[in-house]
C-alpha cells in the first residue's frame, strides 16, 4: 500500500512545529516506527531538508506519562488518541491498539495534556 504520511516534528533550526512528509510503502496499512525519514519543511523559519531522519523524541506532540513517553504523529493522530482514551478501555482485541498499562492508569492526565495541545 502506497501513501503519504505527515508528521509534525520540532524544527531542528528554530524549535517550532515543522512538517516531515513521508512517502511510504507499508504492508497491511500499518505504520509504526521509531525512526522516520522524509522531506522536512518549517513555515516559521524556512528550514528545508530533502531527506531528514528523525526519531520519536523529535516529534512535536509528546509528553511524559509516569515513567513512559506519549507520542502522537500529528494533530489528527492526537485527536484520535484523545478519543481512544476517552471512549475505550484497556484490552481491545487489536494488538496494535494495545497501550502500556501506565497509560490506562493515567487516562485523565493524558486527556488533560492532549487538550492543552488542542
PDB file of N, CA and C in Angstrom:
ATOM      1  N   UNK A   1       0.841  -1.169   0.000  1.00  0.00           N
ATOM      2  CA  UNK A   1       0.000   0.000   0.000  1.00  0.00           C
ATOM      3  C   UNK A   1       0.896   1.245   0.000  1.00  0.00           C
ATOM      4  N   UNK A   2       0.684   2.144  -0.946  1.00  0.00           N
ATOM      5  CA  UNK A   2       1.430   3.393  -1.028  1.00  0.00           C
ATOM      6  C   UNK A   2       0.599   4.512  -0.421  1.00  0.00           C
ATOM      7  N   UNK A   3       1.223   5.350   0.382  1.00  0.00           N
ATOM      8  CA  UNK A   3       0.532   6.512   0.916  1.00  0.00           C
ATOM      9  C   UNK A   3       1.539   7.516   1.431  1.00  0.00           C
ATOM     10  N   UNK A   4       1.046   8.713   1.685  1.00  0.00           N
ATOM     11  CA  UNK A   4       1.867   9.780   2.248  1.00  0.00           C
ATOM     12  C   UNK A   4       1.403  10.023   3.666  1.00  0.00           C
ATOM     13  N   UNK A   5       2.356  10.180   4.561  1.00  0.00           N
ATOM     14  CA  UNK A   5       2.017  10.492   5.949  1.00  0.00           C
ATOM     15  C   UNK A   5       2.756  11.766   6.340  1.00  0.00           C
ATOM     16  N   UNK A   6       2.040  12.637   7.032  1.00  0.00           N
ATOM     17  CA  UNK A   6       2.623  13.882   7.519  1.00  0.00           C
ATOM     18  C   UNK A   6       2.829  13.771   9.014  1.00  0.00           C
ATOM     19  N   UNK A   7       4.039  14.101   9.447  1.00  0.00           N
ATOM     20  CA  UNK A   7       4.390  14.019  10.860  1.00  0.00           C
ATOM     21  C   UNK A   7       4.830  15.406  11.320  1.00  0.00           C
ATOM     22  N   UNK A   8       4.242  15.862  12.417  1.00  0.00           N
ATOM     23  CA  UNK A   8       4.648  17.139  12.998  1.00  0.00           C
ATOM     24  C   UNK A   8       5.879  16.894  13.873  1.00  0.00           C
ATOM     25  N   UNK A   9       6.937  17.633  13.557  1.00  0.00           N
ATOM     26  CA  UNK A   9       8.200  17.478  14.284  1.00  0.00           C
ATOM     27  C   UNK A   9       8.631  18.827  14.862  1.00  0.00           C
ATOM     28  N   UNK A  10       9.613  18.791  15.724  1.00  0.00           N
ATOM     29  CA  UNK A  10      10.243  20.006  16.219  1.00  0.00           C
ATOM     30  C   UNK A  10      11.294  20.411  15.188  1.00  0.00           C
ATOM     31  N   UNK A  11      11.194  21.618  14.706  1.00  0.00           N
ATOM     32  CA  UNK A  11      12.138  22.094  13.695  1.00  0.00           C
ATOM     33  C   UNK A  11      13.553  22.099  14.273  1.00  0.00           C
ATOM     34  N   UNK A  12      14.505  21.465  13.570  1.00  0.00           N
ATOM     35  CA  UNK A  12      15.886  21.456  14.071  1.00  0.00           C
ATOM     36  C   UNK A  12      16.551  22.831  14.029  1.00  0.00           C
ATOM     37  N   UNK A  13      15.968  23.769  13.293  1.00  0.00           N
ATOM     38  CA  UNK A  13      16.567  25.097  13.188  1.00  0.00           C
ATOM     39  C   UNK A  13      15.984  26.094  14.200  1.00  0.00           C
ATOM     40  N   UNK A  14      14.652  26.095  14.381  1.00  0.00           N
ATOM     41  CA  UNK A  14      14.034  27.119  15.235  1.00  0.00           C
ATOM     42  C   UNK A  14      13.245  26.552  16.419  1.00  0.00           C
ATOM     43  N   UNK A  15      13.127  25.236  16.510  1.00  0.00           N
ATOM     44  CA  UNK A  15      12.440  24.539  17.607  1.00  0.00           C
ATOM     45  C   UNK A  15      10.928  24.756  17.641  1.00  0.00           C
ATOM     46  N   UNK A  16      10.357  25.240  16.552  1.00  0.00           N
ATOM     47  CA  UNK A  16       8.898  25.366  16.469  1.00  0.00           C
ATOM     48  C   UNK A  16       8.364  24.172  15.686  1.00  0.00           C
ATOM     49  N   UNK A  17       7.060  24.112  15.477  1.00  0.00           N
ATOM     50  CA  UNK A  17       6.465  22.975  14.769  1.00  0.00           C
ATOM     51  C   UNK A  17       6.803  23.030  13.282  1.00  0.00           C
ATOM     52  N   UNK A  18       7.319  21.913  12.768  1.00  0.00           N
ATOM     53  CA  UNK A  18       7.642  21.767  11.352  1.00  0.00           C
ATOM     54  C   UNK A  18       6.951  20.501  10.842  1.00  0.00           C
ATOM     55  N   UNK A  19       7.056  20.281   9.550  1.00  0.00           N
ATOM     56  CA  UNK A  19       6.379  19.148   8.921  1.00  0.00           C
ATOM     57  C   UNK A  19       7.391  18.211   8.274  1.00  0.00           C
ATOM     58  N   UNK A  20       7.222  16.921   8.510  1.00  0.00           N
ATOM     59  CA  UNK A  20       8.011  15.888   7.844  1.00  0.00           C
ATOM     60  C   UNK A  20       7.028  15.079   7.008  1.00  0.00           C
ATOM     61  N   UNK A  21       7.249  15.034   5.698  1.00  0.00           N
ATOM     62  CA  UNK A  21       6.371  14.311   4.781  1.00  0.00           C
ATOM     63  C   UNK A  21       7.073  13.043   4.320  1.00  0.00           C
ATOM     64  N   UNK A  22       6.403  11.923   4.513  1.00  0.00           N
ATOM     65  CA  UNK A  22       6.978  10.622   4.172  1.00  0.00           C
ATOM     66  C   UNK A  22       6.108   9.960   3.118  1.00  0.00           C
ATOM     67  N   UNK A  23       6.708   9.572   2.017  1.00  0.00           N
ATOM     68  CA  UNK A  23       6.031   8.731   1.033  1.00  0.00           C
ATOM     69  C   UNK A  23       6.462   7.315   1.345  1.00  0.00           C
ATOM     70  N   UNK A  24       5.491   6.444   1.619  1.00  0.00           N
ATOM     71  CA  UNK A  24       5.837   5.143   2.164  1.00  0.00           C
ATOM     72  C   UNK A  24       5.060   4.010   1.519  1.00  0.00           C
ATOM     73  N   UNK A  25       5.667   2.842   1.577  1.00  0.00           N
ATOM     74  CA  UNK A  25       5.007   1.594   1.224  1.00  0.00           C
ATOM     75  C   UNK A  25       4.975   0.765   2.491  1.00  0.00           C
ATOM     76  N   UNK A  26       3.785   0.514   2.983  1.00  0.00           N
ATOM     77  CA  UNK A  26       3.654  -0.218   4.236  1.00  0.00           C
ATOM     78  C   UNK A  26       2.661  -1.349   4.043  1.00  0.00           C
ATOM     79  N   UNK A  27       3.033  -2.597   4.364  1.00  0.00           N
ATOM     80  CA  UNK A  27       2.093  -3.702   4.239  1.00  0.00           C
ATOM     81  C   UNK A  27       0.959  -3.578   5.250  1.00  0.00           C
ATOM     82  N   UNK A  28      -0.225  -3.982   4.847  1.00  0.00           N
ATOM     83  CA  UNK A  28      -1.404  -4.023   5.714  1.00  0.00           C
ATOM     84  C   UNK A  28      -1.839  -2.658   6.235  1.00  0.00           C
ATOM     85  N   UNK A  29      -1.323  -1.594   5.688  1.00  0.00           N
ATOM     86  CA  UNK A  29      -1.744  -0.263   6.107  1.00  0.00           C
ATOM     87  C   UNK A  29      -1.255   0.156   7.475  1.00  0.00           C
ATOM     88  N   UNK A  30      -0.412  -0.639   8.132  1.00  0.00           N
ATOM     89  CA  UNK A  30       0.090  -0.284   9.465  1.00  0.00           C
ATOM     90  C   UNK A  30       1.289   0.634   9.342  1.00  0.00           C
ATOM     91  N   UNK A  31       1.366   1.585  10.237  1.00  0.00           N
ATOM     92  CA  UNK A  31       2.507   2.499  10.267  1.00  0.00           C
ATOM     93  C   UNK A  31       2.937   2.634  11.712  1.00  0.00           C
ATOM     94  N   UNK A  32       4.026   1.994  12.039  1.00  0.00           N
ATOM     95  CA  UNK A  32       4.545   2.070  13.398  1.00  0.00           C
ATOM     96  C   UNK A  32       6.061   2.039  13.310  1.00  0.00           C
ATOM     97  N   UNK A  33       6.666   3.149  13.691  1.00  0.00           N
ATOM     98  CA  UNK A  33       8.124   3.217  13.602  1.00  0.00           C
ATOM     99  C   UNK A  33       8.655   4.126  14.695  1.00  0.00           C
ATOM    100  N   UNK A  34       9.933   3.987  14.970  1.00  0.00           N
ATOM    101  CA  UNK A  34      10.593   4.861  15.937  1.00  0.00           C
ATOM    102  C   UNK A  34      11.581   5.780  15.238  1.00  0.00           C
ATOM    103  N   UNK A  35      11.776   5.575  13.960  1.00  0.00           N
ATOM    104  CA  UNK A  35      12.712   6.366  13.163  1.00  0.00           C
ATOM    105  C   UNK A  35      12.003   6.672  11.844  1.00  0.00           C
ATOM    106  N   UNK A  36      12.026   7.949  11.453  1.00  0.00           N
ATOM    107  CA  UNK A  36      11.308   8.381  10.259  1.00  0.00           C
ATOM    108  C   UNK A  36      12.254   9.165   9.356  1.00  0.00           C
ATOM    109  N   UNK A  37      12.110   9.019   8.057  1.00  0.00           N
ATOM    110  CA  UNK A  37      12.904   9.798   7.105  1.00  0.00           C
ATOM    111  C   UNK A  37      11.966  10.346   6.049  1.00  0.00           C
ATOM    112  N   UNK A  38      12.110  11.623   5.779  1.00  0.00           N
ATOM    113  CA  UNK A  38      11.259  12.246   4.779  1.00  0.00           C
ATOM    114  C   UNK A  38      11.680  13.675   4.506  1.00  0.00           C
ATOM    115  N   UNK A  39      10.856  14.347   3.741  1.00  0.00           N
ATOM    116  CA  UNK A  39      11.105  15.738   3.352  1.00  0.00           C
ATOM    117  C   UNK A  39      10.602  16.649   4.463  1.00  0.00           C
ATOM    118  N   UNK A  40      11.488  17.493   5.011  1.00  0.00           N
ATOM    119  CA  UNK A  40      11.129  18.372   6.121  1.00  0.00           C
ATOM    120  C   UNK A  40      11.021  19.810   5.652  1.00  0.00           C
ATOM    121  N   UNK A  41      10.072  20.530   6.266  1.00  0.00           N
ATOM    122  CA  UNK A  41       9.938  21.958   5.989  1.00  0.00           C
ATOM    123  C   UNK A  41       9.313  22.646   7.190  1.00  0.00           C
ATOM    124  N   UNK A  42       9.721  23.897   7.389  1.00  0.00           N
ATOM    125  CA  UNK A  42       9.211  24.702   8.501  1.00  0.00           C
ATOM    126  C   UNK A  42       8.704  26.030   7.946  1.00  0.00           C
ATOM    127  N   UNK A  43       7.448  26.351   8.226  1.00  0.00           N
ATOM    128  CA  UNK A  43       6.889  27.619   7.748  1.00  0.00           C
ATOM    129  C   UNK A  43       7.354  28.797   8.602  1.00  0.00           C
ATOM    130  N   UNK A  44       7.889  28.512   9.768  1.00  0.00           N
ATOM    131  CA  UNK A  44       8.293  29.573  10.676  1.00  0.00           C
ATOM    132  C   UNK A  44       9.650  30.177  10.303  1.00  0.00           C
ATOM    133  N   UNK A  45      10.627  29.332  10.002  1.00  0.00           N
ATOM    134  CA  UNK A  45      11.979  29.842   9.718  1.00  0.00           C
ATOM    135  C   UNK A  45      12.461  29.543   8.299  1.00  0.00           C
ATOM    136  N   UNK A  46      11.676  28.770   7.539  1.00  0.00           N
ATOM    137  CA  UNK A  46      12.061  28.451   6.164  1.00  0.00           C
ATOM    138  C   UNK A  46      12.971  27.240   6.031  1.00  0.00           C
ATOM    139  N   UNK A  47      13.236  26.541   7.123  1.00  0.00           N
ATOM    140  CA  UNK A  47      14.091  25.349   7.080  1.00  0.00           C
ATOM    141  C   UNK A  47      13.514  24.343   6.087  1.00  0.00           C
ATOM    142  N   UNK A  48      14.393  23.766   5.279  1.00  0.00           N
ATOM    143  CA  UNK A  48      14.006  22.702   4.346  1.00  0.00           C
ATOM    144  C   UNK A  48      15.123  21.667   4.314  1.00  0.00           C
ATOM    145  N   UNK A  49      14.718  20.402   4.230  1.00  0.00           N
ATOM    146  CA  UNK A  49      15.690  19.316   4.109  1.00  0.00           C
ATOM    147  C   UNK A  49      15.028  18.226   3.272  1.00  0.00           C
ATOM    148  N   UNK A  50      15.698  17.756   2.204  1.00  0.00           N
ATOM    149  CA  UNK A  50      15.067  16.781   1.310  1.00  0.00           C
ATOM    150  C   UNK A  50      14.924  15.372   1.892  1.00  0.00           C
ATOM    151  N   UNK A  51      15.757  15.018   2.867  1.00  0.00           N
ATOM    152  CA  UNK A  51      15.696  13.654   3.423  1.00  0.00           C
ATOM    153  C   UNK A  51      16.189  13.685   4.870  1.00  0.00           C
ATOM    154  N   UNK A  52      15.383  14.247   5.741  1.00  0.00           N
ATOM    155  CA  UNK A  52      15.736  14.349   7.153  1.00  0.00           C
ATOM    156  C   UNK A  52      15.286  13.089   7.888  1.00  0.00           C
ATOM    157  N   UNK A  53      16.146  12.569   8.747  1.00  0.00           N
ATOM    158  CA  UNK A  53      15.796  11.426   9.590  1.00  0.00           C
ATOM    159  C   UNK A  53      15.584  11.929  11.007  1.00  0.00           C
ATOM    160  N   UNK A  54      14.445  11.561  11.584  1.00  0.00           N
ATOM    161  CA  UNK A  54      14.114  11.954  12.950  1.00  0.00           C
ATOM    162  C   UNK A  54      13.722  10.705  13.742  1.00  0.00           C
ATOM    163  N   UNK A  55      13.717  10.859  15.051  1.00  0.00           N
ATOM    164  CA  UNK A  55      13.301   9.770  15.945  1.00  0.00           C
ATOM    165  C   UNK A  55      12.108  10.258  16.765  1.00  0.00           C
ATOM    166  N   UNK A  56      11.497   9.365  17.528  1.00  0.00           N
ATOM    167  CA  UNK A  56      10.320   9.727  18.320  1.00  0.00           C
ATOM    168  C   UNK A  56      10.526  10.991  19.141  1.00  0.00           C
ATOM    169  N   UNK A  57      11.705  11.169  19.701  1.00  0.00           N
ATOM    170  CA  UNK A  57      11.966  12.323  20.553  1.00  0.00           C
ATOM    171  C   UNK A  57      11.864  13.645  19.787  1.00  0.00           C
ATOM    172  N   UNK A  58      11.929  13.597  18.445  1.00  0.00           N
ATOM    173  CA  UNK A  58      11.814  14.795  17.612  1.00  0.00           C
ATOM    174  C   UNK A  58      10.367  15.148  17.287  1.00  0.00           C
ATOM    175  N   UNK A  59       9.414  14.278  17.659  1.00  0.00           N
ATOM    176  CA  UNK A  59       8.008  14.555  17.369  1.00  0.00           C
ATOM    177  C   UNK A  59       7.544  15.767  18.162  1.00  0.00           C
ATOM    178  N   UNK A  60       6.677  16.559  17.575  1.00  0.00           N
ATOM    179  CA  UNK A  60       6.183  17.770  18.208  1.00  0.00           C
ATOM    180  C   UNK A  60       5.211  17.455  19.350  1.00  0.00           C
ATOM    181  N   UNK A  61       4.321  16.504  19.119  1.00  0.00           N
ATOM    182  CA  UNK A  61       3.324  16.142  20.130  1.00  0.00           C
ATOM    183  C   UNK A  61       3.849  14.988  20.974  1.00  0.00           C
ATOM    184  N   UNK A  62       4.361  15.337  22.153  1.00  0.00           N
ATOM    185  CA  UNK A  62       4.883  14.321  23.068  1.00  0.00           C
ATOM    186  C   UNK A  62       4.846  14.879  24.480  1.00  0.00           C
ATOM    187  N   UNK A  63       4.725  13.969  25.434  1.00  0.00           N
ATOM    188  CA  UNK A  63       4.777  14.372  26.834  1.00  0.00           C
ATOM    189  C   UNK A  63       4.983  13.136  27.699  1.00  0.00           C
ATOM    190  N   UNK A  64       5.571  13.334  28.892  1.00  0.00           N
ATOM    191  CA  UNK A  64       5.784  12.196  29.782  1.00  0.00           C
ATOM    192  C   UNK A  64       4.488  11.795  30.487  1.00  0.00           C
ATOM    193  N   UNK A  65       4.350  10.498  30.687  1.00  0.00           N
ATOM    194  CA  UNK A  65       3.245   9.938  31.473  1.00  0.00           C
ATOM    195  C   UNK A  65       3.892   8.922  32.411  1.00  0.00           C
ATOM    196  N   UNK A  66       3.982   9.299  33.682  1.00  0.00           N
ATOM    197  CA  UNK A  66       4.682   8.471  34.674  1.00  0.00           C
ATOM    198  C   UNK A  66       6.090   8.192  34.157  1.00  0.00           C
ATOM    199  N   UNK A  67       6.443   6.915  33.967  1.00  0.00           N
ATOM    200  CA  UNK A  67       7.793   6.558  33.527  1.00  0.00           C
ATOM    201  C   UNK A  67       7.880   6.310  32.019  1.00  0.00           C
ATOM    202  N   UNK A  68       6.856   6.705  31.268  1.00  0.00           N
ATOM    203  CA  UNK A  68       6.803   6.479  29.813  1.00  0.00           C
ATOM    204  C   UNK A  68       6.692   7.809  29.084  1.00  0.00           C
ATOM    205  N   UNK A  69       6.817   7.761  27.759  1.00  0.00           N
ATOM    206  CA  UNK A  69       6.572   8.937  26.919  1.00  0.00           C
ATOM    207  C   UNK A  69       5.382   8.630  26.018  1.00  0.00           C
ATOM    208  N   UNK A  70       4.548   9.620  25.843  1.00  0.00           N
ATOM    209  CA  UNK A  70       3.367   9.525  24.989  1.00  0.00           C
ATOM    210  C   UNK A  70       3.651  10.343  23.733  1.00  0.00           C
ATOM    211  N   UNK A  71       3.466   9.744  22.544  1.00  0.00           N
ATOM    212  CA  UNK A  71       3.767  10.398  21.275  1.00  0.00           C
ATOM    213  C   UNK A  71       2.547  10.364  20.370  1.00  0.00           C
ATOM    214  N   UNK A  72       2.388  11.429  19.587  1.00  0.00           N
ATOM    215  CA  UNK A  72       1.396  11.457  18.509  1.00  0.00           C
ATOM    216  C   UNK A  72       2.097  12.008  17.267  1.00  0.00           C
ATOM    217  N   UNK A  73       1.787  11.424  16.113  1.00  0.00           N
ATOM    218  CA  UNK A  73       2.466  11.822  14.870  1.00  0.00           C
ATOM    219  C   UNK A  73       2.055  13.200  14.377  1.00  0.00           C
ATOM    220  N   UNK A  74       0.784  13.536  14.539  1.00  0.00           N
ATOM    221  CA  UNK A  74       0.279  14.824  14.055  1.00  0.00           C
ATOM    222  C   UNK A  74      -1.002  15.160  14.814  1.00  0.00           C
ATOM    223  N   UNK A  75      -1.595  16.286  14.498  1.00  0.00           N
ATOM    224  CA  UNK A  75      -2.775  16.729  15.240  1.00  0.00           C
ATOM    225  C   UNK A  75      -3.942  15.743  15.083  1.00  0.00           C
ATOM    226  N   UNK A  76      -4.119  15.210  13.894  1.00  0.00           N
ATOM    227  CA  UNK A  76      -5.195  14.241  13.661  1.00  0.00           C
ATOM    228  C   UNK A  76      -4.982  12.986  14.511  1.00  0.00           C
ATOM    229  N   UNK A  77      -3.746  12.526  14.583  1.00  0.00           N
ATOM    230  CA  UNK A  77      -3.418  11.370  15.403  1.00  0.00           C
ATOM    231  C   UNK A  77      -3.639  11.680  16.882  1.00  0.00           C
ATOM    232  N   UNK A  78      -3.314  12.893  17.296  1.00  0.00           N
ATOM    233  CA  UNK A  78      -3.518  13.322  18.677  1.00  0.00           C
ATOM    234  C   UNK A  78      -5.012  13.314  19.032  1.00  0.00           C
ATOM    235  N   UNK A  79      -5.836  13.796  18.121  1.00  0.00           N
ATOM    236  CA  UNK A  79      -7.291  13.789  18.343  1.00  0.00           C
ATOM    237  C   UNK A  79      -7.805  12.359  18.418  1.00  0.00           C
ATOM    238  N   UNK A  80      -7.311  11.496  17.531  1.00  0.00           N
ATOM    239  CA  UNK A  80      -7.733  10.089  17.550  1.00  0.00           C
ATOM    240  C   UNK A  80      -7.356   9.450  18.888  1.00  0.00           C
ATOM    241  N   UNK A  81      -6.142   9.722  19.362  1.00  0.00           N
ATOM    242  CA  UNK A  81      -5.690   9.170  20.640  1.00  0.00           C
ATOM    243  C   UNK A  81      -6.520   9.714  21.801  1.00  0.00           C
ATOM    244  N   UNK A  82      -6.848  10.998  21.760  1.00  0.00           N
ATOM    245  CA  UNK A  82      -7.711  11.569  22.798  1.00  0.00           C
ATOM    246  C   UNK A  82      -9.052  10.823  22.842  1.00  0.00           C
ATOM    247  N   UNK A  83      -9.653  10.636  21.665  1.00  0.00           N
ATOM    248  CA  UNK A  83     -10.944   9.949  21.602  1.00  0.00           C
ATOM    249  C   UNK A  83     -10.825   8.498  22.046  1.00  0.00           C
ATOM    250  N   UNK A  84      -9.706   7.863  21.691  1.00  0.00           N
ATOM    251  CA  UNK A  84      -9.484   6.481  22.104  1.00  0.00           C
ATOM    252  C   UNK A  84      -9.473   6.377  23.631  1.00  0.00           C
ATOM    253  N   UNK A  85      -8.689   7.220  24.285  1.00  0.00           N
ATOM    254  CA  UNK A  85      -8.583   7.131  25.743  1.00  0.00           C
ATOM    255  C   UNK A  85      -9.833   7.649  26.448  1.00  0.00           C
ATOM    256  N   UNK A  86     -10.596   8.473  25.785  1.00  0.00           N
ATOM    257  CA  UNK A  86     -11.831   8.969  26.377  1.00  0.00           C
ATOM    258  C   UNK A  86     -12.933   7.906  26.315  1.00  0.00           C
ATOM    259  N   UNK A  87     -12.941   7.104  25.254  1.00  0.00           N
ATOM    260  CA  UNK A  87     -14.073   6.214  24.989  1.00  0.00           C
ATOM    261  C   UNK A  87     -13.810   4.721  25.111  1.00  0.00           C
ATOM    262  N   UNK A  88     -12.559   4.316  25.211  1.00  0.00           N
ATOM    263  CA  UNK A  88     -12.265   2.883  25.215  1.00  0.00           C
ATOM    264  C   UNK A  88     -11.555   2.472  26.489  1.00  0.00           C
ATOM    265  N   UNK A  89     -11.664   1.183  26.761  1.00  0.00           N
ATOM    266  CA  UNK A  89     -10.988   0.655  27.941  1.00  0.00           C
ATOM    267  C   UNK A  89      -9.828  -0.232  27.517  1.00  0.00           C
ATOM    268  N   UNK A  90      -9.011  -0.579  28.470  1.00  0.00           N
ATOM    269  CA  UNK A  90      -7.841  -1.415  28.225  1.00  0.00           C
ATOM    270  C   UNK A  90      -8.265  -2.770  27.700  1.00  0.00           C
ATOM    271  N   UNK A  91      -7.443  -3.354  26.837  1.00  0.00           N
ATOM    272  CA  UNK A  91      -7.661  -4.724  26.398  1.00  0.00           C
ATOM    273  C   UNK A  91      -8.450  -4.876  25.130  1.00  0.00           C
ATOM    274  N   UNK A  92      -8.378  -3.893  24.214  1.00  0.00           N
ATOM    275  CA  UNK A  92      -9.024  -4.093  22.923  1.00  0.00           C
ATOM    276  C   UNK A  92      -8.435  -5.319  22.252  1.00  0.00           C
ATOM    277  N   UNK A  93      -9.202  -5.904  21.371  1.00  0.00           N
ATOM    278  CA  UNK A  93      -8.775  -7.150  20.721  1.00  0.00           C
ATOM    279  C   UNK A  93      -7.699  -6.941  19.659  1.00  0.00           C
ATOM    280  N   UNK A  94      -7.496  -5.721  19.212  1.00  0.00           N
ATOM    281  CA  UNK A  94      -6.488  -5.447  18.198  1.00  0.00           C
ATOM    282  C   UNK A  94      -5.143  -5.203  18.884  1.00  0.00           C
ATOM    283  N   UNK A  95      -4.132  -6.032  18.619  1.00  0.00           N
ATOM    284  CA  UNK A  95      -2.850  -5.872  19.316  1.00  0.00           C
ATOM    285  C   UNK A  95      -2.184  -4.524  19.068  1.00  0.00           C
ATOM    286  N   UNK A  96      -2.371  -3.923  17.887  1.00  0.00           N
ATOM    287  CA  UNK A  96      -1.732  -2.640  17.616  1.00  0.00           C
ATOM    288  C   UNK A  96      -2.428  -1.496  18.346  1.00  0.00           C
ATOM    289  N   UNK A  97      -3.564  -1.745  18.962  1.00  0.00           N
ATOM    290  CA  UNK A  97      -4.247  -0.730  19.763  1.00  0.00           C
ATOM    291  C   UNK A  97      -3.984  -0.914  21.248  1.00  0.00           C
ATOM    292  N   UNK A  98      -3.086  -1.807  21.582  1.00  0.00           N
ATOM    293  CA  UNK A  98      -2.783  -2.038  22.986  1.00  0.00           C
ATOM    294  C   UNK A  98      -1.696  -1.066  23.422  1.00  0.00           C
ATOM    295  N   UNK A  99      -1.968  -0.355  24.492  1.00  0.00           N
ATOM    296  CA  UNK A  99      -1.034   0.624  25.024  1.00  0.00           C
ATOM    297  C   UNK A  99      -0.510   0.140  26.361  1.00  0.00           C
ATOM    298  N   UNK A 100       0.584   0.719  26.831  1.00  0.00           N
ATOM    299  CA  UNK A 100       1.098   0.321  28.146  1.00  0.00           C
ATOM    300  C   UNK A 100       0.045   0.554  29.240  1.00  0.00           C
ATOM    301  N   UNK A 101       0.052  -0.315  30.222  1.00  0.00           N
ATOM    302  CA  UNK A 101      -0.887  -0.221  31.344  1.00  0.00           C
ATOM    303  C   UNK A 101      -0.815   1.152  32.005  1.00  0.00           C
ATOM    304  N   UNK A 102       0.376   1.723  32.052  1.00  0.00           N
ATOM    305  CA  UNK A 102       0.586   3.052  32.640  1.00  0.00           C
ATOM    306  C   UNK A 102      -0.342   4.087  32.008  1.00  0.00           C
ATOM    307  N   UNK A 103      -0.550   3.991  30.692  1.00  0.00           N
ATOM    308  CA  UNK A 103      -1.391   4.965  30.005  1.00  0.00           C
ATOM    309  C   UNK A 103      -2.843   4.862  30.470  1.00  0.00           C
ATOM    310  N   UNK A 104      -3.319   3.650  30.677  1.00  0.00           N
ATOM    311  CA  UNK A 104      -4.698   3.485  31.148  1.00  0.00           C
ATOM    312  C   UNK A 104      -4.837   3.963  32.595  1.00  0.00           C
ATOM    313  N   UNK A 105      -3.800   3.759  33.381  1.00  0.00           N
ATOM    314  CA  UNK A 105      -3.831   4.192  34.782  1.00  0.00           C
ATOM    315  C   UNK A 105      -3.821   5.724  34.893  1.00  0.00           C
ATOM    316  N   UNK A 106      -3.271   6.386  33.881  1.00  0.00           N
ATOM    317  CA  UNK A 106      -3.160   7.845  33.889  1.00  0.00           C
ATOM    318  C   UNK A 106      -4.015   8.471  32.784  1.00  0.00           C
ATOM    319  N   UNK A 107      -5.118   7.843  32.489  1.00  0.00           N
ATOM    320  CA  UNK A 107      -6.011   8.286  31.406  1.00  0.00           C
ATOM    321  C   UNK A 107      -6.398   9.764  31.560  1.00  0.00           C
ATOM    322  N   UNK A 108      -6.808  10.199  32.750  1.00  0.00           N
ATOM    323  CA  UNK A 108      -7.237  11.588  32.946  1.00  0.00           C
ATOM    324  C   UNK A 108      -6.098  12.571  32.687  1.00  0.00           C
ATOM    325  N   UNK A 109      -4.910  12.221  33.116  1.00  0.00           N
ATOM    326  CA  UNK A 109      -3.731  13.064  32.873  1.00  0.00           C
ATOM    327  C   UNK A 109      -3.455  13.175  31.375  1.00  0.00           C
ATOM    328  N   UNK A 110      -3.547  12.071  30.660  1.00  0.00           N
ATOM    329  CA  UNK A 110      -3.326  12.059  29.215  1.00  0.00           C
ATOM    330  C   UNK A 110      -4.344  12.962  28.530  1.00  0.00           C
ATOM    331  N   UNK A 111      -5.607  12.820  28.900  1.00  0.00           N
ATOM    332  CA  UNK A 111      -6.651  13.632  28.279  1.00  0.00           C
ATOM    333  C   UNK A 111      -6.416  15.123  28.532  1.00  0.00           C
ATOM    334  N   UNK A 112      -6.004  15.472  29.726  1.00  0.00           N
ATOM    335  CA  UNK A 112      -5.746  16.865  30.072  1.00  0.00           C
ATOM    336  C   UNK A 112      -4.567  17.410  29.262  1.00  0.00           C
ATOM    337  N   UNK A 113      -3.503  16.621  29.130  1.00  0.00           N
ATOM    338  CA  UNK A 113      -2.329  17.069  28.378  1.00  0.00           C
ATOM    339  C   UNK A 113      -2.633  17.183  26.892  1.00  0.00           C
ATOM    340  N   UNK A 114      -3.415  16.246  26.352  1.00  0.00           N
ATOM    341  CA  UNK A 114      -3.796  16.330  24.943  1.00  0.00           C
ATOM    342  C   UNK A 114      -4.618  17.587  24.711  1.00  0.00           C
ATOM    343  N   UNK A 115      -5.565  17.855  25.596  1.00  0.00           N
ATOM    344  CA  UNK A 115      -6.403  19.055  25.452  1.00  0.00           C
ATOM    345  C   UNK A 115      -5.567  20.325  25.486  1.00  0.00           C
ATOM    346  N   UNK A 116      -4.453  20.318  26.202  1.00  0.00           N
ATOM    347  CA  UNK A 116      -3.605  21.515  26.248  1.00  0.00           C
ATOM    348  C   UNK A 116      -2.941  21.796  24.901  1.00  0.00           C
ATOM    349  N   UNK A 117      -2.764  20.758  24.069  1.00  0.00           N
ATOM    350  CA  UNK A 117      -2.213  20.942  22.724  1.00  0.00           C
ATOM    351  C   UNK A 117      -3.262  21.456  21.749  1.00  0.00           C
ATOM    352  N   UNK A 118      -4.514  21.121  22.020  1.00  0.00           N
ATOM    353  CA  UNK A 118      -5.578  21.439  21.050  1.00  0.00           C
ATOM    354  C   UNK A 118      -6.192  22.767  21.278  1.00  0.00           C
TER     355      UNK A 118
END
